[in-house]
């Protein structure tokens, strides 16, 4: 599965042919691991597989989107096309961090695409949603997978994603960035 610590498929990569990442520019992700030219860079297919396997988000959701890396493993999603490489400050929305042991989706990603997630979404009641939005960790029962989850709350009859949480050992840790936390 994408997101584990063996991101590269050793049979599709010849390490001596890979170049180093230029963290100051956006480079479009290769379509498949076999097309990788930058050491440690994930492919579009790996990103799509991760979102489908972890959150049940269909790859078709991103049919009109491109994925880019800037920095070390900071993956951005962009609704459109652009020349690659490109040296701009931002392109689309930061959606995923990959160059670490466990891939971490961003709050922006959860709020933008979390409505179509069918797995690893924890629905919070009103008091729990308030605590989550305030950045508080809380003990909760969850019968799903441990790890990164999309925390959501029902608003006017619709599931509204709040952000990314980390669920381990019976505790939901709010990963809402400090500057975006709110007392509701």
Protein backbone atom coordinates (compact mmCIF):
# COMPACT_ATOMS: atom_id res chain seq x y z
CA UNK A 1 0.00 0.00 0.00
CA UNK A 2 1.17 3.54 -0.70
CA UNK A 3 2.16 5.44 2.36
CA UNK A 4 4.20 2.71 3.97
CA UNK A 5 7.94 3.02 4.37
CA UNK A 6 8.67 1.14 1.12
CA UNK A 7 7.31 3.72 -1.32
CA UNK A 8 9.63 2.78 -4.18
CA UNK A 9 9.13 -0.35 -6.25
CA UNK A 10 12.72 -1.61 -6.51
CA UNK A 11 12.08 -3.40 -9.79
CA UNK A 12 10.96 -0.26 -11.61
CA UNK A 13 13.76 2.06 -10.51
CA UNK A 14 17.42 2.24 -11.38
CA UNK A 15 18.83 4.42 -8.57
CA UNK A 16 21.84 5.55 -10.58
CA UNK A 17 19.47 7.23 -13.08
CA UNK A 18 17.51 9.27 -10.52
CA UNK A 19 18.21 12.95 -9.89
CA UNK A 20 17.90 14.85 -6.62
CA UNK A 21 14.76 16.80 -5.77
CA UNK A 22 14.87 20.58 -6.31
CA UNK A 23 12.79 21.72 -3.35
CA UNK A 24 12.44 25.28 -4.64
CA UNK A 25 10.20 24.51 -7.59
CA UNK A 26 7.05 22.59 -8.43
CA UNK A 27 7.51 19.41 -10.43
CA UNK A 28 4.57 17.43 -11.72
CA UNK A 29 4.39 13.90 -10.30
CA UNK A 30 5.13 11.12 -12.78
CA UNK A 31 2.10 9.03 -13.71
CA UNK A 32 3.56 5.74 -12.45
CA UNK A 33 6.53 4.61 -10.33
CA UNK A 34 8.21 3.32 -13.50
CA UNK A 35 8.30 6.90 -14.85
CA UNK A 36 9.98 8.32 -11.73
CA UNK A 37 13.10 10.41 -12.42
CA UNK A 38 13.56 12.05 -8.98
CA UNK A 39 14.77 10.06 -5.98
CA UNK A 40 12.05 9.62 -3.36
CA UNK A 41 9.28 11.22 -5.42
CA UNK A 42 5.93 9.46 -5.39
CA UNK A 43 3.83 8.99 -8.50
CA UNK A 44 0.31 10.14 -9.31
CA UNK A 45 -0.79 6.49 -9.24
CA UNK A 46 0.59 6.06 -5.69
CA UNK A 47 -1.23 9.18 -4.48
CA UNK A 48 -4.51 8.07 -6.08
CA UNK A 49 -4.08 4.56 -4.64
CA UNK A 50 -3.46 6.00 -1.16
CA UNK A 51 -6.61 8.15 -1.21
CA UNK A 52 -8.67 5.27 -2.57
CA UNK A 53 -7.33 2.63 -0.15
CA UNK A 54 -7.33 4.83 2.96
CA UNK A 55 -10.38 7.04 2.46
CA UNK A 56 -12.38 5.35 -0.31
CA UNK A 57 -12.01 8.39 -2.57
CA UNK A 58 -12.31 7.30 -6.18
CA UNK A 59 -9.42 8.19 -8.52
CA UNK A 60 -12.04 9.70 -10.87
CA UNK A 61 -12.47 12.47 -8.27
CA UNK A 62 -9.10 13.79 -9.46
CA UNK A 63 -9.59 13.33 -13.21
CA UNK A 64 -9.26 17.08 -13.83
CA UNK A 65 -6.47 17.58 -11.28
CA UNK A 66 -2.70 17.35 -11.49
CA UNK A 67 -0.35 16.55 -8.60
CA UNK A 68 2.92 18.34 -7.90
CA UNK A 69 5.79 18.14 -5.44
CA UNK A 70 7.53 21.16 -3.95
CA UNK A 71 9.88 20.75 -1.04
CA UNK A 72 10.59 17.31 0.35
CA UNK A 73 7.42 15.29 -0.10
CA UNK A 74 4.93 18.14 -0.01
CA UNK A 75 2.32 17.14 -2.56
CA UNK A 76 0.00 19.74 -4.04
CA UNK A 77 -3.20 19.18 -6.02
CA UNK A 78 -4.10 21.60 -8.79
CA UNK A 79 -7.32 21.76 -10.80
CA UNK A 80 -5.71 22.27 -14.17
CA UNK A 81 -2.51 22.06 -16.14
CA UNK A 82 0.75 24.01 -15.89
CA UNK A 83 4.22 23.61 -17.39
CA UNK A 84 6.60 21.39 -15.41
CA UNK A 85 8.84 22.33 -13.74
CA UNK A 86 7.53 25.69 -12.63
CA UNK A 87 9.03 28.12 -10.14
CA UNK A 88 6.05 29.71 -8.39
CA UNK A 89 5.34 30.11 -4.68
CA UNK A 90 2.09 28.13 -4.71
CA UNK A 91 0.16 25.99 -7.15
CA UNK A 92 -3.23 24.74 -6.07
CA UNK A 93 -3.52 23.31 -2.55
CA UNK A 94 -1.12 21.41 -0.34
CA UNK A 95 -2.83 18.03 0.08
CA UNK A 96 -0.37 15.42 1.36
CA UNK A 97 3.04 14.96 2.99
CA UNK A 98 4.78 11.79 1.79
CA UNK A 99 8.46 11.72 2.73
CA UNK A 100 7.86 10.35 6.19
CA UNK A 101 6.97 6.95 7.64
CA UNK A 102 3.19 7.51 7.39
CA UNK A 103 1.71 9.74 4.73
CA UNK A 104 -0.26 12.65 6.21
CA UNK A 105 -3.16 14.36 4.44
CA UNK A 106 -3.75 18.04 5.17
CA UNK A 107 -6.69 19.80 6.79
CA UNK A 108 -7.31 21.65 3.52
CA UNK A 109 -7.51 18.34 1.68
CA UNK A 110 -9.98 16.93 4.22
CA UNK A 111 -12.19 20.01 4.03
CA UNK A 112 -12.15 20.09 0.21
CA UNK A 113 -12.42 16.37 -0.65
CA UNK A 114 -13.61 14.76 2.59
CA UNK A 115 -17.27 14.86 1.53
CA UNK A 116 -16.66 12.05 -0.95
CA UNK A 117 -14.68 9.87 1.47
CA UNK A 118 -16.34 6.54 2.27
CA UNK A 119 -13.75 5.13 4.70
CA UNK A 120 -11.77 6.35 7.71
CA UNK A 121 -14.22 9.16 8.46
CA UNK A 122 -15.12 9.57 12.12
CA UNK A 123 -18.47 11.27 12.64
CA UNK A 124 -18.41 13.45 15.74
CA UNK A 125 -21.36 14.59 17.82
CA UNK A 126 -21.68 18.30 18.59
CA UNK A 127 -19.56 18.38 21.80
CA UNK A 128 -16.82 16.23 20.22
CA UNK A 129 -16.84 18.35 17.04
CA UNK A 130 -16.42 21.51 19.14
CA UNK A 131 -13.48 20.00 21.00
CA UNK A 132 -11.91 18.84 17.72
CA UNK A 133 -12.27 22.32 16.11
CA UNK A 134 -10.65 23.84 19.21
CA UNK A 135 -7.64 21.55 18.75
CA UNK A 136 -8.33 19.35 21.76
CA UNK A 137 -7.49 15.66 21.94
CA UNK A 138 -10.24 13.39 23.26
CA UNK A 139 -10.93 9.80 24.18
CA UNK A 140 -13.42 8.27 21.74
CA UNK A 141 -14.59 4.85 20.67
CA UNK A 142 -13.87 4.06 17.02
CA UNK A 143 -14.16 0.63 15.45
CA UNK A 144 -12.22 1.52 12.30
CA UNK A 145 -8.55 1.68 11.39
CA UNK A 146 -6.08 3.56 13.53
CA UNK A 147 -4.08 6.33 11.94
CA UNK A 148 -5.11 9.47 10.09
CA UNK A 149 -8.86 10.00 9.84
CA UNK A 150 -11.15 12.64 8.45
CA UNK A 151 -13.14 14.09 11.35
CA UNK A 152 -16.63 15.19 10.34
CA UNK A 153 -19.85 16.52 11.85
CA UNK A 154 -23.42 16.63 10.56
CA UNK A 155 -24.43 20.17 9.57
CA UNK A 156 -27.95 20.73 8.20
CA UNK A 157 -28.28 17.05 7.34
CA UNK A 158 -24.96 16.85 5.45
CA UNK A 159 -21.62 15.44 6.55
CA UNK A 160 -19.19 18.34 6.87
CA UNK A 161 -15.48 17.46 7.11
CA UNK A 162 -13.69 19.40 9.85
CA UNK A 163 -10.11 18.27 9.27
CA UNK A 164 -7.58 15.53 9.85
CA UNK A 165 -7.25 13.73 13.15
CA UNK A 166 -4.92 10.98 14.31
CA UNK A 167 -6.60 8.07 16.09
CA UNK A 168 -4.44 5.85 18.30
CA UNK A 169 -5.09 3.89 21.51
CA UNK A 170 -8.68 5.11 21.91
CA UNK A 171 -7.77 8.78 21.49
CA UNK A 172 -8.58 11.16 18.64
CA UNK A 173 -5.88 13.80 18.34
CA UNK A 174 -6.96 16.96 16.58
CA UNK A 175 -4.47 18.06 13.93
CA UNK A 176 -6.23 21.33 13.17
CA UNK A 177 -3.42 23.89 12.68
CA UNK A 178 -3.10 26.30 15.62
CA UNK A 179 -4.02 29.35 13.55
CA UNK A 180 -7.25 27.71 12.35
CA UNK A 181 -8.55 26.40 15.66
CA UNK A 182 -11.89 27.81 16.75
CA UNK A 183 -14.00 27.86 19.90
CA UNK A 184 -17.51 27.10 18.64
